[in-house]
Amino acid sequence: MAALVASGFLLIGGWKSAVSPLLGGFVALLPNLYFAYKIYLAKDLGAQGIVNAFYAGETVKLILTVALFSIVLQIPSVDFLTLMVGYAAVLSVFWFALFLWRD
């Protein structure tokens, strides 16, 4: 999704406008990959272990998100609006997956 949004901005405004949504996509993707990996590692634990892994993973995910936003916003050429468009586009994938993943 990040590549799709960034390619749209690439067609409209060139490389400079495509970098921000791509970075926004990575800011959304990396913490969520960590969270998914943390939950995957806890699959063989009991219920309490899974809950503990969930809370620990979510806490680290939020800290990683804040840290990545802090780092990315230090780049002078980053446009905040297109950064947030890329971020929201990647997060929207999770919501759309809920609608499609019905048994």
PDB file of N, CA and C in Angstrom:
ATOM      1  N   MET A   1       0.821  -1.181   0.000  1.00  0.00           N
ATOM      2  CA  MET A   1       0.000   0.000   0.000  1.00  0.00           C
ATOM      3  C   MET A   1       0.875   1.259   0.000  1.00  0.00           C
ATOM      4  N   ALA A   2       1.975   1.220   0.763  1.00  0.00           N
ATOM      5  CA  ALA A   2       2.872   2.385   0.797  1.00  0.00           C
ATOM      6  C   ALA A   2       3.454   2.648  -0.583  1.00  0.00           C
ATOM      7  N   ALA A   3       3.829   1.583  -1.274  1.00  0.00           N
ATOM      8  CA  ALA A   3       4.387   1.745  -2.617  1.00  0.00           C
ATOM      9  C   ALA A   3       3.333   2.266  -3.587  1.00  0.00           C
ATOM     10  N   LEU A   4       2.089   1.835  -3.430  1.00  0.00           N
ATOM     11  CA  LEU A   4       1.018   2.301  -4.300  1.00  0.00           C
ATOM     12  C   LEU A   4       0.754   3.791  -4.110  1.00  0.00           C
ATOM     13  N   VAL A   5       0.663   4.213  -2.863  1.00  0.00           N
ATOM     14  CA  VAL A   5       0.429   5.631  -2.579  1.00  0.00           C
ATOM     15  C   VAL A   5       1.622   6.467  -3.028  1.00  0.00           C
ATOM     16  N   ALA A   6       2.828   5.975  -2.745  1.00  0.00           N
ATOM     17  CA  ALA A   6       4.026   6.719  -3.141  1.00  0.00           C
ATOM     18  C   ALA A   6       4.127   6.814  -4.661  1.00  0.00           C
ATOM     19  N   SER A   7       3.732   5.766  -5.374  1.00  0.00           N
ATOM     20  CA  SER A   7       3.791   5.834  -6.835  1.00  0.00           C
ATOM     21  C   SER A   7       2.770   6.833  -7.385  1.00  0.00           C
ATOM     22  N   GLY A   8       1.639   6.976  -6.724  1.00  0.00           N
ATOM     23  CA  GLY A   8       0.678   7.992  -7.122  1.00  0.00           C
ATOM     24  C   GLY A   8       1.240   9.394  -6.947  1.00  0.00           C
ATOM     25  N   PHE A   9       1.895   9.625  -5.822  1.00  0.00           N
ATOM     26  CA  PHE A   9       2.523  10.920  -5.608  1.00  0.00           C
ATOM     27  C   PHE A   9       3.720  11.116  -6.548  1.00  0.00           C
ATOM     28  N   LEU A  10       4.387  10.033  -6.922  1.00  0.00           N
ATOM     29  CA  LEU A  10       5.497  10.113  -7.868  1.00  0.00           C
ATOM     30  C   LEU A  10       5.002  10.590  -9.227  1.00  0.00           C
ATOM     31  N   LEU A  11       3.870  10.059  -9.656  1.00  0.00           N
ATOM     32  CA  LEU A  11       3.312  10.469 -10.945  1.00  0.00           C
ATOM     33  C   LEU A  11       2.842  11.915 -10.922  1.00  0.00           C
ATOM     34  N   ILE A  12       2.312  12.345  -9.799  1.00  0.00           N
ATOM     35  CA  ILE A  12       1.780  13.699  -9.709  1.00  0.00           C
ATOM     36  C   ILE A  12       2.881  14.742  -9.526  1.00  0.00           C
ATOM     37  N   GLY A  13       3.813  14.473  -8.585  1.00  0.00           N
ATOM     38  CA  GLY A  13       4.756  15.526  -8.229  1.00  0.00           C
ATOM     39  C   GLY A  13       6.223  15.187  -8.285  1.00  0.00           C
ATOM     40  N   GLY A  14       6.583  14.005  -8.716  1.00  0.00           N
ATOM     41  CA  GLY A  14       7.991  13.660  -8.805  1.00  0.00           C
ATOM     42  C   GLY A  14       8.514  12.999  -7.544  1.00  0.00           C
ATOM     43  N   TRP A  15       9.833  12.756  -7.537  1.00  0.00           N
ATOM     44  CA  TRP A  15      10.469  12.018  -6.445  1.00  0.00           C
ATOM     45  C   TRP A  15      10.323  12.709  -5.106  1.00  0.00           C
ATOM     46  N   LYS A  16      10.421  14.027  -5.109  1.00  0.00           N
ATOM     47  CA  LYS A  16      10.395  14.753  -3.839  1.00  0.00           C
ATOM     48  C   LYS A  16       9.059  14.571  -3.114  1.00  0.00           C
ATOM     49  N   SER A  17       7.974  14.526  -3.848  1.00  0.00           N
ATOM     50  CA  SER A  17       6.678  14.345  -3.193  1.00  0.00           C
ATOM     51  C   SER A  17       6.366  12.874  -2.914  1.00  0.00           C
ATOM     52  N   ALA A  18       7.116  11.937  -3.492  1.00  0.00           N
ATOM     53  CA  ALA A  18       6.867  10.513  -3.260  1.00  0.00           C
ATOM     54  C   ALA A  18       7.591   9.984  -2.034  1.00  0.00           C
ATOM     55  N   VAL A  19       8.598  10.697  -1.563  1.00  0.00           N
ATOM     56  CA  VAL A  19       9.391  10.215  -0.431  1.00  0.00           C
ATOM     57  C   VAL A  19       8.581  10.253   0.866  1.00  0.00           C
ATOM     58  N   SER A  20       7.831  11.320   1.076  1.00  0.00           N
ATOM     59  CA  SER A  20       7.090  11.474   2.334  1.00  0.00           C
ATOM     60  C   SER A  20       6.044  10.383   2.561  1.00  0.00           C
ATOM     61  N   PRO A  21       5.190  10.062   1.573  1.00  0.00           N
ATOM     62  CA  PRO A  21       4.235   8.979   1.839  1.00  0.00           C
ATOM     63  C   PRO A  21       4.912   7.616   2.000  1.00  0.00           C
ATOM     64  N   LEU A  22       6.031   7.419   1.335  1.00  0.00           N
ATOM     65  CA  LEU A  22       6.761   6.164   1.505  1.00  0.00           C
ATOM     66  C   LEU A  22       7.317   6.059   2.923  1.00  0.00           C
ATOM     67  N   LEU A  23       7.860   7.150   3.434  1.00  0.00           N
ATOM     68  CA  LEU A  23       8.337   7.160   4.812  1.00  0.00           C
ATOM     69  C   LEU A  23       7.185   6.972   5.796  1.00  0.00           C
ATOM     70  N   GLY A  24       6.041   7.587   5.523  1.00  0.00           N
ATOM     71  CA  GLY A  24       4.871   7.403   6.371  1.00  0.00           C
ATOM     72  C   GLY A  24       4.407   5.957   6.396  1.00  0.00           C
ATOM     73  N   GLY A  25       4.503   5.296   5.259  1.00  0.00           N
ATOM     74  CA  GLY A  25       4.155   3.883   5.208  1.00  0.00           C
ATOM     75  C   GLY A  25       5.090   3.029   6.037  1.00  0.00           C
ATOM     76  N   PHE A  26       6.375   3.350   6.003  1.00  0.00           N
ATOM     77  CA  PHE A  26       7.334   2.596   6.802  1.00  0.00           C
ATOM     78  C   PHE A  26       7.165   2.876   8.295  1.00  0.00           C
ATOM     79  N   VAL A  27       6.774   4.111   8.637  1.00  0.00           N
ATOM     80  CA  VAL A  27       6.513   4.427  10.048  1.00  0.00           C
ATOM     81  C   VAL A  27       5.341   3.598  10.566  1.00  0.00           C
ATOM     82  N   ALA A  28       4.383   3.313   9.727  1.00  0.00           N
ATOM     83  CA  ALA A  28       3.256   2.464  10.127  1.00  0.00           C
ATOM     84  C   ALA A  28       3.612   0.986  10.098  1.00  0.00           C
ATOM     85  N   LEU A  29       4.400   0.588   9.115  1.00  0.00           N
ATOM     86  CA  LEU A  29       4.668  -0.829   8.898  1.00  0.00           C
ATOM     87  C   LEU A  29       5.639  -1.425   9.911  1.00  0.00           C
ATOM     88  N   LEU A  30       6.737  -0.761  10.187  1.00  0.00           N
ATOM     89  CA  LEU A  30       7.771  -1.339  11.046  1.00  0.00           C
ATOM     90  C   LEU A  30       7.288  -1.650  12.462  1.00  0.00           C
ATOM     91  N   PRO A  31       6.615  -0.729  13.158  1.00  0.00           N
ATOM     92  CA  PRO A  31       6.121  -1.092  14.497  1.00  0.00           C
ATOM     93  C   PRO A  31       5.088  -2.214  14.474  1.00  0.00           C
ATOM     94  N   ASN A  32       4.266  -2.255  13.443  1.00  0.00           N
ATOM     95  CA  ASN A  32       3.268  -3.318  13.355  1.00  0.00           C
ATOM     96  C   ASN A  32       3.907  -4.671  13.047  1.00  0.00           C
ATOM     97  N   LEU A  33       4.986  -4.669  12.289  1.00  0.00           N
ATOM     98  CA  LEU A  33       5.721  -5.924  12.077  1.00  0.00           C
ATOM     99  C   LEU A  33       6.314  -6.423  13.388  1.00  0.00           C
ATOM    100  N   TYR A  34       6.852  -5.515  14.186  1.00  0.00           N
ATOM    101  CA  TYR A  34       7.382  -5.911  15.486  1.00  0.00           C
ATOM    102  C   TYR A  34       6.274  -6.513  16.353  1.00  0.00           C
ATOM    103  N   PHE A  35       5.124  -5.859  16.375  1.00  0.00           N
ATOM    104  CA  PHE A  35       4.005  -6.335  17.184  1.00  0.00           C
ATOM    105  C   PHE A  35       3.554  -7.726  16.731  1.00  0.00           C
ATOM    106  N   ALA A  36       3.435  -7.919  15.435  1.00  0.00           N
ATOM    107  CA  ALA A  36       3.017  -9.226  14.919  1.00  0.00           C
ATOM    108  C   ALA A  36       4.033 -10.305  15.272  1.00  0.00           C
ATOM    109  N   TYR A  37       5.321  -9.978  15.194  1.00  0.00           N
ATOM    110  CA  TYR A  37       6.353 -10.944  15.542  1.00  0.00           C
ATOM    111  C   TYR A  37       6.296 -11.286  17.032  1.00  0.00           C
ATOM    112  N   LYS A  38       6.069 -10.283  17.860  1.00  0.00           N
ATOM    113  CA  LYS A  38       5.974 -10.503  19.306  1.00  0.00           C
ATOM    114  C   LYS A  38       4.793 -11.423  19.633  1.00  0.00           C
ATOM    115  N   ILE A  39       3.673 -11.218  19.010  1.00  0.00           N
ATOM    116  CA  ILE A  39       2.501 -12.071  19.228  1.00  0.00           C
ATOM    117  C   ILE A  39       2.748 -13.472  18.667  1.00  0.00           C
ATOM    118  N   TYR A  40       3.422 -13.565  17.540  1.00  0.00           N
ATOM    119  CA  TYR A  40       3.742 -14.868  16.955  1.00  0.00           C
ATOM    120  C   TYR A  40       4.620 -15.690  17.901  1.00  0.00           C
ATOM    121  N   LEU A  41       5.577 -15.041  18.536  1.00  0.00           N
ATOM    122  CA  LEU A  41       6.445 -15.752  19.470  1.00  0.00           C
ATOM    123  C   LEU A  41       5.687 -16.257  20.696  1.00  0.00           C
ATOM    124  N   ALA A  42       4.576 -15.620  21.027  1.00  0.00           N
ATOM    125  CA  ALA A  42       3.816 -15.977  22.218  1.00  0.00           C
ATOM    126  C   ALA A  42       2.737 -17.017  21.937  1.00  0.00           C
ATOM    127  N   LYS A  43       2.685 -17.551  20.735  1.00  0.00           N
ATOM    128  CA  LYS A  43       1.576 -18.450  20.380  1.00  0.00           C
ATOM    129  C   LYS A  43       1.544 -19.728  21.212  1.00  0.00           C
ATOM    130  N   ASP A  44       2.688 -20.178  21.708  1.00  0.00           N
ATOM    131  CA  ASP A  44       2.719 -21.419  22.484  1.00  0.00           C
ATOM    132  C   ASP A  44       2.604 -21.187  23.984  1.00  0.00           C
ATOM    133  N   LEU A  45       2.510 -19.947  24.395  1.00  0.00           N
ATOM    134  CA  LEU A  45       2.359 -19.638  25.816  1.00  0.00           C
ATOM    135  C   LEU A  45       0.903 -19.805  26.219  1.00  0.00           C
ATOM    136  N   GLY A  46       0.686 -19.797  27.489  1.00  0.00           N
ATOM    137  CA  GLY A  46      -0.691 -19.867  27.972  1.00  0.00           C
ATOM    138  C   GLY A  46      -1.399 -18.538  27.759  1.00  0.00           C
ATOM    139  N   ALA A  47      -2.630 -18.484  28.241  1.00  0.00           N
ATOM    140  CA  ALA A  47      -3.435 -17.278  28.052  1.00  0.00           C
ATOM    141  C   ALA A  47      -2.776 -16.052  28.687  1.00  0.00           C
ATOM    142  N   GLN A  48      -2.245 -16.220  29.893  1.00  0.00           N
ATOM    143  CA  GLN A  48      -1.605 -15.093  30.565  1.00  0.00           C
ATOM    144  C   GLN A  48      -0.346 -14.649  29.817  1.00  0.00           C
ATOM    145  N   GLY A  49       0.404 -15.579  29.272  1.00  0.00           N
ATOM    146  CA  GLY A  49       1.593 -15.244  28.493  1.00  0.00           C
ATOM    147  C   GLY A  49       1.262 -14.487  27.221  1.00  0.00           C
ATOM    148  N   ILE A  50       0.162 -14.878  26.590  1.00  0.00           N
ATOM    149  CA  ILE A  50      -0.269 -14.182  25.373  1.00  0.00           C
ATOM    150  C   ILE A  50      -0.718 -12.769  25.705  1.00  0.00           C
ATOM    151  N   VAL A  51      -1.447 -12.612  26.789  1.00  0.00           N
ATOM    152  CA  VAL A  51      -1.889 -11.268  27.195  1.00  0.00           C
ATOM    153  C   VAL A  51      -0.692 -10.391  27.545  1.00  0.00           C
ATOM    154  N   ASN A  52       0.272 -10.956  28.272  1.00  0.00           N
ATOM    155  CA  ASN A  52       1.479 -10.195  28.611  1.00  0.00           C
ATOM    156  C   ASN A  52       2.256  -9.806  27.360  1.00  0.00           C
ATOM    157  N   ALA A  53       2.367 -10.723  26.404  1.00  0.00           N
ATOM    158  CA  ALA A  53       3.058 -10.424  25.152  1.00  0.00           C
ATOM    159  C   ALA A  53       2.316  -9.350  24.368  1.00  0.00           C
ATOM    160  N   PHE A  54       0.980  -9.410  24.415  1.00  0.00           N
ATOM    161  CA  PHE A  54       0.179  -8.401  23.722  1.00  0.00           C
ATOM    162  C   PHE A  54       0.437  -7.011  24.300  1.00  0.00           C
ATOM    163  N   TYR A  55       0.381  -6.888  25.620  1.00  0.00           N
ATOM    164  CA  TYR A  55       0.602  -5.579  26.241  1.00  0.00           C
ATOM    165  C   TYR A  55       2.025  -5.086  26.041  1.00  0.00           C
ATOM    166  N   ALA A  56       3.002  -5.974  26.164  1.00  0.00           N
ATOM    167  CA  ALA A  56       4.393  -5.571  25.954  1.00  0.00           C
ATOM    168  C   ALA A  56       4.621  -5.181  24.497  1.00  0.00           C
ATOM    169  N   GLY A  57       4.070  -5.949  23.581  1.00  0.00           N
ATOM    170  CA  GLY A  57       4.221  -5.640  22.163  1.00  0.00           C
ATOM    171  C   GLY A  57       3.565  -4.336  21.780  1.00  0.00           C
ATOM    172  N   GLU A  58       2.387  -4.087  22.329  1.00  0.00           N
ATOM    173  CA  GLU A  58       1.677  -2.841  22.027  1.00  0.00           C
ATOM    174  C   GLU A  58       2.417  -1.635  22.592  1.00  0.00           C
ATOM    175  N   THR A  59       2.984  -1.787  23.783  1.00  0.00           N
ATOM    176  CA  THR A  59       3.743  -0.692  24.380  1.00  0.00           C
ATOM    177  C   THR A  59       4.970  -0.355  23.539  1.00  0.00           C
ATOM    178  N   VAL A  60       5.708  -1.377  23.151  1.00  0.00           N
ATOM    179  CA  VAL A  60       6.900  -1.142  22.328  1.00  0.00           C
ATOM    180  C   VAL A  60       6.497  -0.605  20.956  1.00  0.00           C
ATOM    181  N   LYS A  61       5.373  -1.062  20.429  1.00  0.00           N
ATOM    182  CA  LYS A  61       4.889  -0.568  19.138  1.00  0.00           C
ATOM    183  C   LYS A  61       4.610   0.926  19.197  1.00  0.00           C
ATOM    184  N   LEU A  62       3.960   1.374  20.255  1.00  0.00           N
ATOM    185  CA  LEU A  62       3.679   2.798  20.396  1.00  0.00           C
ATOM    186  C   LEU A  62       4.961   3.611  20.560  1.00  0.00           C
ATOM    187  N   ILE A  63       5.898   3.089  21.330  1.00  0.00           N
ATOM    188  CA  ILE A  63       7.174   3.786  21.513  1.00  0.00           C
ATOM    189  C   ILE A  63       7.939   3.861  20.194  1.00  0.00           C
ATOM    190  N   LEU A  64       7.942   2.762  19.436  1.00  0.00           N
ATOM    191  CA  LEU A  64       8.595   2.760  18.132  1.00  0.00           C
ATOM    192  C   LEU A  64       7.941   3.751  17.165  1.00  0.00           C
ATOM    193  N   THR A  65       6.623   3.838  17.203  1.00  0.00           N
ATOM    194  CA  THR A  65       5.914   4.766  16.329  1.00  0.00           C
ATOM    195  C   THR A  65       6.299   6.207  16.644  1.00  0.00           C
ATOM    196  N   VAL A  66       6.314   6.553  17.913  1.00  0.00           N
ATOM    197  CA  VAL A  66       6.699   7.911  18.309  1.00  0.00           C
ATOM    198  C   VAL A  66       8.149   8.182  17.919  1.00  0.00           C
ATOM    199  N   ALA A  67       9.033   7.224  18.158  1.00  0.00           N
ATOM    200  CA  ALA A  67      10.450   7.398  17.820  1.00  0.00           C
ATOM    201  C   ALA A  67      10.638   7.557  16.312  1.00  0.00           C
ATOM    202  N   LEU A  68       9.952   6.742  15.525  1.00  0.00           N
ATOM    203  CA  LEU A  68      10.098   6.842  14.073  1.00  0.00           C
ATOM    204  C   LEU A  68       9.535   8.154  13.545  1.00  0.00           C
ATOM    205  N   PHE A  69       8.392   8.600  14.077  1.00  0.00           N
ATOM    206  CA  PHE A  69       7.871   9.902  13.681  1.00  0.00           C
ATOM    207  C   PHE A  69       8.845  11.013  14.057  1.00  0.00           C
ATOM    208  N   SER A  70       9.450  10.915  15.229  1.00  0.00           N
ATOM    209  CA  SER A  70      10.416  11.926  15.656  1.00  0.00           C
ATOM    210  C   SER A  70      11.618  11.968  14.720  1.00  0.00           C
ATOM    211  N   ILE A  71      12.069  10.810  14.286  1.00  0.00           N
ATOM    212  CA  ILE A  71      13.212  10.757  13.380  1.00  0.00           C
ATOM    213  C   ILE A  71      12.843  11.280  12.000  1.00  0.00           C
ATOM    214  N   VAL A  72      11.711  10.821  11.475  1.00  0.00           N
ATOM    215  CA  VAL A  72      11.324  11.190  10.115  1.00  0.00           C
ATOM    216  C   VAL A  72      11.006  12.681  10.023  1.00  0.00           C
ATOM    217  N   LEU A  73      10.405  13.245  11.060  1.00  0.00           N
ATOM    218  CA  LEU A  73      10.054  14.662  11.004  1.00  0.00           C
ATOM    219  C   LEU A  73      11.264  15.580  11.125  1.00  0.00           C
ATOM    220  N   GLN A  74      12.429  15.033  11.419  1.00  0.00           N
ATOM    221  CA  GLN A  74      13.653  15.831  11.437  1.00  0.00           C
ATOM    222  C   GLN A  74      14.220  16.044  10.031  1.00  0.00           C
ATOM    223  N   ILE A  75      13.751  15.286   9.069  1.00  0.00           N
ATOM    224  CA  ILE A  75      14.214  15.428   7.685  1.00  0.00           C
ATOM    225  C   ILE A  75      13.564  16.677   7.094  1.00  0.00           C
ATOM    226  N   PRO A  76      14.362  17.636   6.627  1.00  0.00           N
ATOM    227  CA  PRO A  76      13.784  18.911   6.171  1.00  0.00           C
ATOM    228  C   PRO A  76      12.848  18.802   4.973  1.00  0.00           C
ATOM    229  N   SER A  77      13.061  17.838   4.089  1.00  0.00           N
ATOM    230  CA  SER A  77      12.251  17.768   2.865  1.00  0.00           C
ATOM    231  C   SER A  77      10.936  17.011   3.044  1.00  0.00           C
ATOM    232  N   VAL A  78      10.657  16.524   4.232  1.00  0.00           N
ATOM    233  CA  VAL A  78       9.444  15.740   4.456  1.00  0.00           C
ATOM    234  C   VAL A  78       8.234  16.667   4.581  1.00  0.00           C
ATOM    235  N   ASP A  79       7.200  16.340   3.806  1.00  0.00           N
ATOM    236  CA  ASP A  79       5.934  17.067   3.881  1.00  0.00           C
ATOM    237  C   ASP A  79       5.011  16.311   4.835  1.00  0.00           C
ATOM    238  N   PHE A  80       4.534  16.996   5.870  1.00  0.00           N
ATOM    239  CA  PHE A  80       3.760  16.342   6.919  1.00  0.00           C
ATOM    240  C   PHE A  80       2.454  15.756   6.394  1.00  0.00           C
ATOM    241  N   LEU A  81       1.773  16.478   5.536  1.00  0.00           N
ATOM    242  CA  LEU A  81       0.475  16.008   5.042  1.00  0.00           C
ATOM    243  C   LEU A  81       0.609  14.717   4.232  1.00  0.00           C
ATOM    244  N   THR A  82       1.570  14.668   3.315  1.00  0.00           N
ATOM    245  CA  THR A  82       1.729  13.451   2.520  1.00  0.00           C
ATOM    246  C   THR A  82       2.322  12.310   3.357  1.00  0.00           C
ATOM    247  N   LEU A  83       3.104  12.649   4.381  1.00  0.00           N
ATOM    248  CA  LEU A  83       3.589  11.633   5.320  1.00  0.00           C
ATOM    249  C   LEU A  83       2.411  10.960   6.014  1.00  0.00           C
ATOM    250  N   MET A  84       1.447  11.765   6.455  1.00  0.00           N
ATOM    251  CA  MET A  84       0.275  11.220   7.132  1.00  0.00           C
ATOM    252  C   MET A  84      -0.637  10.446   6.174  1.00  0.00           C
ATOM    253  N   VAL A  85      -0.663  10.842   4.905  1.00  0.00           N
ATOM    254  CA  VAL A  85      -1.444  10.089   3.916  1.00  0.00           C
ATOM    255  C   VAL A  85      -0.862   8.681   3.761  1.00  0.00           C
ATOM    256  N   GLY A  86       0.447   8.582   3.670  1.00  0.00           N
ATOM    257  CA  GLY A  86       1.086   7.267   3.580  1.00  0.00           C
ATOM    258  C   GLY A  86       0.883   6.443   4.836  1.00  0.00           C
ATOM    259  N   TYR A  87       0.971   7.100   5.989  1.00  0.00           N
ATOM    260  CA  TYR A  87       0.763   6.430   7.267  1.00  0.00           C
ATOM    261  C   TYR A  87      -0.667   5.880   7.367  1.00  0.00           C
ATOM    262  N   ALA A  88      -1.648   6.717   7.048  1.00  0.00           N
ATOM    263  CA  ALA A  88      -3.052   6.303   7.124  1.00  0.00           C
ATOM    264  C   ALA A  88      -3.379   5.221   6.098  1.00  0.00           C
ATOM    265  N   ALA A  89      -2.748   5.286   4.934  1.00  0.00           N
ATOM    266  CA  ALA A  89      -3.022   4.281   3.902  1.00  0.00           C
ATOM    267  C   ALA A  89      -2.564   2.901   4.354  1.00  0.00           C
ATOM    268  N   VAL A  90      -1.402   2.830   4.981  1.00  0.00           N
ATOM    269  CA  VAL A  90      -0.914   1.531   5.447  1.00  0.00           C
ATOM    270  C   VAL A  90      -1.772   1.021   6.604  1.00  0.00           C
ATOM    271  N   LEU A  91      -2.160   1.904   7.516  1.00  0.00           N
ATOM    272  CA  LEU A  91      -3.008   1.466   8.624  1.00  0.00           C
ATOM    273  C   LEU A  91      -4.396   1.055   8.154  1.00  0.00           C
ATOM    274  N   SER A  92      -4.873   1.641   7.062  1.00  0.00           N
ATOM    275  CA  SER A  92      -6.199   1.284   6.558  1.00  0.00           C
ATOM    276  C   SER A  92      -6.242  -0.151   6.029  1.00  0.00           C
ATOM    277  N   VAL A  93      -5.094  -0.688   5.674  1.00  0.00           N
ATOM    278  CA  VAL A  93      -5.041  -2.076   5.185  1.00  0.00           C
ATOM    279  C   VAL A  93      -5.560  -3.033   6.249  1.00  0.00           C
ATOM    280  N   PHE A  94      -5.220  -2.779   7.515  1.00  0.00           N
ATOM    281  CA  PHE A  94      -5.690  -3.639   8.607  1.00  0.00           C
ATOM    282  C   PHE A  94      -7.209  -3.610   8.721  1.00  0.00           C
ATOM    283  N   TRP A  95      -7.799  -2.431   8.539  1.00  0.00           N
ATOM    284  CA  TRP A  95      -9.258  -2.319   8.653  1.00  0.00           C
ATOM    285  C   TRP A  95      -9.956  -2.986   7.476  1.00  0.00           C
ATOM    286  N   PHE A  96      -9.412  -2.810   6.280  1.00  0.00           N
ATOM    287  CA  PHE A  96     -10.017  -3.466   5.122  1.00  0.00           C
ATOM    288  C   PHE A  96      -9.855  -4.983   5.193  1.00  0.00           C
ATOM    289  N   ALA A  97      -8.766  -5.441   5.769  1.00  0.00           N
ATOM    290  CA  ALA A  97      -8.560  -6.883   5.911  1.00  0.00           C
ATOM    291  C   ALA A  97      -9.612  -7.504   6.831  1.00  0.00           C
ATOM    292  N   LEU A  98     -10.066  -6.749   7.816  1.00  0.00           N
ATOM    293  CA  LEU A  98     -11.117  -7.265   8.696  1.00  0.00           C
ATOM    294  C   LEU A  98     -12.405  -7.536   7.933  1.00  0.00           C
ATOM    295  N   PHE A  99     -12.725  -6.698   6.958  1.00  0.00           N
ATOM    296  CA  PHE A  99     -13.937  -6.896   6.172  1.00  0.00           C
ATOM    297  C   PHE A  99     -13.802  -8.077   5.215  1.00  0.00           C
ATOM    298  N   LEU A 100     -12.601  -8.304   4.714  1.00  0.00           N
ATOM    299  CA  LEU A 100     -12.404  -9.364   3.744  1.00  0.00           C
ATOM    300  C   LEU A 100     -12.140 -10.715   4.381  1.00  0.00           C
ATOM    301  N   TRP A 101     -11.743 -10.737   5.636  1.00  0.00           N
ATOM    302  CA  TRP A 101     -11.345 -11.960   6.316  1.00  0.00           C
ATOM    303  C   TRP A 101     -12.525 -12.527   7.119  1.00  0.00           C
ATOM    304  N   ARG A 102     -13.601 -12.779   6.489  1.00  0.00           N
ATOM    305  CA  ARG A 102     -14.759 -13.361   7.166  1.00  0.00           C
ATOM    306  C   ARG A 102     -14.913 -14.800   6.709  1.00  0.00           C
ATOM    307  N   ASP A 103     -15.184 -15.643   7.668  1.00  0.00           N
ATOM    308  CA  ASP A 103     -15.390 -17.062   7.340  1.00  0.00           C
ATOM    309  C   ASP A 103     -16.851 -17.419   7.377  1.00  0.00           C
TER     310      ASP A 103
END
